[in-house]
Amino acid sequence: MKRVPLMLKFEGRHIVVIGAGEVAARRIPRLLEAGAKITVISPTLHSSLHFLNEMDEIEWKQVEAKEDETFTADLLMIATNNPKLNDSLYNNRFPHQWVYVASDPQKSDIHFPTVIEKERLTLALTTSGASPTYARRLRDKLAEFVSDEVEEELQFLEQARKQVLTAGLSLVARKRLLQRISTDSFLKDKNRNRKFQEALQIEKDSKM
């Protein structure tokens, strides 16, 4: 079965995280960014998560999960260092629940992609649990090719798109212009700003 990378919105969704060690410390901030409501079940809490608990970003229940327990959360994240407990909690899952098992990617319904992030650009890589280490190595290689020039081009395209959408053009004209300015030859042109304004004016004049 095809697993789902963490490119989802969890706004308003409840996630129960069993265990609060290194894995939870890495995953929880990303789940919060996705809008999740998180409850952590663990006798101890990773040092980096204490601030989130103090700020009420997460709810921490300072108890140890039991093997016969079930949880009704939308997503159950199992991340303890107790294999027997992990297996029991996985087997106790409800049919509707998504599950993430840190120790066994093949049992997981989602995977956390390795990410390259710029201001406007996000590239996510996942090996679907086959090798997170390899994914990180590939991320580092790709990061070398994501230069500051890419961010400059995205900034230009963002500003140009706003002008195009508010220019009162037809759908066909908008699509034609947006496709033209996103080509590599146009973006690499040192006079792209002037040429864009000229092209935009031509489209405006043509509809009059």
Protein backbone atom coordinates (compact mmCIF):
# COMPACT_ATOMS: atom_id res chain seq x y z
CA MET A 1 0.00 0.00 0.00
CA LYS A 2 1.26 3.46 -0.92
CA ARG A 3 2.22 5.43 2.18
CA VAL A 4 1.42 9.13 2.53
CA PRO A 5 4.27 11.65 3.07
CA LEU A 6 3.69 14.36 5.66
CA MET A 7 2.47 16.99 3.20
CA LEU A 8 -0.95 17.17 4.82
CA LYS A 9 -2.84 19.74 6.84
CA PHE A 10 -3.71 18.47 10.30
CA GLU A 11 -5.70 21.55 11.31
CA GLY A 12 -7.97 20.55 14.18
CA ARG A 13 -6.87 16.92 14.03
CA HIS A 14 -5.92 15.16 17.25
CA ILE A 15 -2.64 13.28 17.42
CA VAL A 16 -1.54 11.11 20.33
CA VAL A 17 2.21 10.64 20.59
CA ILE A 18 3.34 7.68 22.70
CA GLY A 19 6.89 8.31 23.86
CA ALA A 20 8.74 11.60 24.12
CA GLY A 21 12.34 10.95 23.18
CA GLU A 22 14.49 12.02 20.23
CA VAL A 23 12.02 10.89 17.57
CA ALA A 24 9.10 12.73 19.16
CA ALA A 25 11.26 15.82 19.62
CA ARG A 26 11.93 15.88 15.85
CA ARG A 27 8.38 15.06 14.72
CA ILE A 28 6.18 17.08 17.06
CA PRO A 29 7.24 20.57 15.85
CA ARG A 30 6.40 19.59 12.28
CA LEU A 31 3.02 18.23 13.32
CA LEU A 32 2.30 21.48 15.15
CA GLU A 33 3.21 23.43 12.02
CA ALA A 34 0.65 21.31 10.17
CA GLY A 35 -2.02 22.46 12.65
CA ALA A 36 -2.33 19.36 14.82
CA LYS A 37 -3.59 19.20 18.38
CA ILE A 38 -1.09 16.97 20.19
CA THR A 39 -1.27 14.90 23.35
CA VAL A 40 1.97 13.29 24.52
CA ILE A 41 1.84 10.14 26.66
CA SER A 42 5.18 9.53 28.39
CA PRO A 43 6.68 9.35 31.90
CA THR A 44 9.43 11.74 30.77
CA LEU A 45 9.62 14.56 28.24
CA HIS A 46 12.49 15.43 25.95
CA SER A 47 14.18 18.67 27.02
CA SER A 48 13.30 20.42 23.76
CA LEU A 49 9.58 19.74 24.32
CA HIS A 50 9.30 21.30 27.77
CA PHE A 51 8.87 24.78 26.31
CA LEU A 52 6.02 23.60 24.08
CA ASN A 53 4.34 22.07 27.12
CA GLU A 54 4.79 25.23 29.19
CA MET A 55 3.28 27.30 26.38
CA ASP A 56 0.33 24.87 26.10
CA GLU A 57 1.31 24.01 22.54
CA ILE A 58 1.10 20.34 23.53
CA GLU A 59 -0.67 18.45 26.30
CA TRP A 60 1.65 16.18 28.29
CA LYS A 61 0.25 13.29 30.29
CA GLN A 62 3.08 12.13 32.53
CA VAL A 63 2.16 8.45 32.56
CA GLU A 64 3.35 5.32 30.82
CA ALA A 65 1.10 3.84 28.15
CA LYS A 66 -0.14 0.32 28.87
CA GLU A 67 -0.11 -2.55 26.41
CA ASP A 68 -3.89 -2.98 26.52
CA GLU A 69 -4.68 0.71 25.95
CA THR A 70 -6.41 2.20 22.95
CA PHE A 71 -6.50 5.81 21.80
CA THR A 72 -9.18 7.43 19.64
CA ALA A 73 -6.96 10.08 18.04
CA ASP A 74 -6.95 10.70 14.29
CA LEU A 75 -3.27 9.75 14.18
CA LEU A 76 -1.44 7.52 16.65
CA MET A 77 2.30 8.09 16.70
CA ILE A 78 4.15 5.24 18.43
CA ALA A 79 7.69 6.21 19.37
CA THR A 80 8.79 4.39 22.52
CA ASN A 81 11.94 2.32 23.00
CA ASN A 82 9.85 -0.66 24.12
CA PRO A 83 9.26 -2.99 21.11
CA LYS A 84 6.64 -5.08 22.92
CA LEU A 85 4.64 -2.00 23.90
CA ASN A 86 4.94 -0.60 20.36
CA ASP A 87 3.59 -3.83 18.86
CA SER A 88 0.68 -3.98 21.30
CA LEU A 89 -0.36 -0.38 20.68
CA TYR A 90 -0.14 -0.93 16.93
CA ASN A 91 -2.33 -4.03 17.17
CA ASN A 92 -4.84 -2.10 19.32
CA ARG A 93 -5.35 0.60 16.69
CA PHE A 94 -8.80 1.37 15.35
CA PRO A 95 -9.63 0.79 11.67
CA HIS A 96 -10.07 4.53 11.02
CA GLN A 97 -6.75 5.52 12.60
CA TRP A 98 -3.60 6.47 10.80
CA VAL A 99 -0.53 5.16 12.57
CA TYR A 100 3.12 6.17 12.55
CA VAL A 101 5.48 3.57 14.01
CA ALA A 102 8.93 5.09 14.42
CA SER A 103 10.66 1.72 14.67
CA ASP A 104 8.89 0.13 11.69
CA PRO A 105 8.31 2.32 8.61
CA GLN A 106 6.49 -0.51 6.80
CA LYS A 107 3.68 -0.31 9.35
CA SER A 108 3.38 3.46 9.07
CA ASP A 109 0.61 5.19 7.14
CA ILE A 110 2.61 8.41 6.83
CA HIS A 111 6.29 9.26 6.46
CA PHE A 112 8.13 12.42 7.38
CA PRO A 113 9.97 13.67 4.29
CA THR A 114 13.40 15.23 4.47
CA VAL A 115 12.96 18.89 3.59
CA ILE A 116 14.92 21.64 1.87
CA GLU A 117 13.41 24.98 2.84
CA LYS A 118 13.96 28.43 1.46
CA GLU A 119 11.75 31.46 1.99
CA ARG A 120 9.35 30.58 -0.86
CA LEU A 121 10.58 27.12 -1.85
CA THR A 122 10.03 23.83 -0.08
CA LEU A 123 11.35 20.56 -1.51
CA ALA A 124 10.34 17.37 0.29
CA LEU A 125 12.08 14.04 -0.21
CA THR A 126 10.98 10.67 1.06
CA THR A 127 12.17 7.12 0.48
CA SER A 128 8.86 5.84 1.94
CA GLY A 129 10.74 4.54 4.94
CA ALA A 130 13.32 2.58 2.95
CA SER A 131 16.25 4.70 4.15
CA PRO A 132 15.90 8.05 5.92
CA THR A 133 19.69 8.27 5.98
CA TYR A 134 19.84 8.07 2.19
CA ALA A 135 17.10 10.71 1.94
CA ARG A 136 19.20 13.10 4.04
CA ARG A 137 22.25 12.48 1.84
CA LEU A 138 20.20 13.16 -1.28
CA ARG A 139 18.80 16.32 0.33
CA ASP A 140 22.32 17.62 0.93
CA LYS A 141 23.25 16.98 -2.71
CA LEU A 142 20.14 18.73 -4.02
CA ALA A 143 20.63 21.67 -1.68
CA GLU A 144 23.83 22.51 -3.56
CA PHE A 145 21.74 23.18 -6.68
CA VAL A 146 19.11 25.32 -4.95
CA SER A 147 20.90 28.65 -5.17
CA ASP A 148 19.82 32.11 -4.07
CA GLU A 149 18.97 32.71 -7.73
CA VAL A 150 15.99 30.38 -7.34
CA GLU A 151 14.64 32.50 -4.50
CA GLU A 152 15.06 35.67 -6.60
CA GLU A 153 13.13 34.10 -9.47
CA LEU A 154 10.33 33.02 -7.15
CA GLN A 155 10.14 36.52 -5.70
CA PHE A 156 9.80 37.96 -9.20
CA LEU A 157 7.13 35.39 -10.13
CA GLU A 158 5.18 36.06 -6.95
CA GLN A 159 5.07 39.80 -7.55
CA ALA A 160 4.33 39.37 -11.26
CA ARG A 161 1.49 36.94 -10.57
CA LYS A 162 -0.19 39.43 -8.25
CA GLN A 163 -0.10 42.06 -10.99
CA VAL A 164 -1.46 39.66 -13.58
CA LEU A 165 -4.34 38.54 -11.36
CA THR A 166 -5.41 42.10 -10.63
CA ALA A 167 -5.04 43.40 -14.20
CA GLY A 168 -8.54 42.41 -15.29
CA LEU A 169 -7.31 40.03 -17.99
CA SER A 170 -9.26 37.09 -19.34
CA LEU A 171 -8.46 33.59 -18.09
CA VAL A 172 -6.75 32.75 -21.37
CA ALA A 173 -4.61 35.89 -21.28
CA ARG A 174 -3.62 35.33 -17.66
CA LYS A 175 -2.60 31.76 -18.36
CA ARG A 176 -0.65 32.76 -21.48
CA LEU A 177 1.28 35.47 -19.68
CA LEU A 178 2.00 33.45 -16.55
CA GLN A 179 3.31 30.56 -18.63
CA ARG A 180 5.53 32.89 -20.64
CA ILE A 181 7.20 34.57 -17.66
CA SER A 182 7.88 31.26 -15.92
CA THR A 183 10.04 29.89 -18.72
CA ASP A 184 13.74 29.54 -18.06
CA SER A 185 14.69 31.90 -20.91
CA PHE A 186 12.43 34.65 -19.56
CA LEU A 187 13.60 34.27 -15.96
CA LYS A 188 17.27 34.39 -16.99
CA ASP A 189 16.79 37.55 -19.05
CA LYS A 190 18.42 40.51 -17.26
CA ASN A 191 15.63 42.73 -18.58
CA ARG A 192 12.82 40.47 -17.36
CA ASN A 193 11.14 43.15 -15.25
CA ARG A 194 10.87 45.59 -18.15
CA LYS A 195 9.79 42.86 -20.56
CA PHE A 196 7.15 41.68 -18.14
CA GLN A 197 5.67 45.15 -17.83
CA GLU A 198 5.65 45.48 -21.61
CA ALA A 199 3.96 42.09 -22.04
CA LEU A 200 1.39 42.91 -19.37
CA GLN A 201 0.56 46.21 -21.08
CA ILE A 202 0.15 44.47 -24.44
CA GLU A 203 -2.36 42.05 -22.89
CA LYS A 204 -4.24 44.94 -21.28
CA ASP A 205 -4.39 46.86 -24.56
CA SER A 206 -5.56 43.82 -26.51
CA LYS A 207 -8.72 43.47 -24.42
CA MET A 208 -9.74 47.12 -24.90
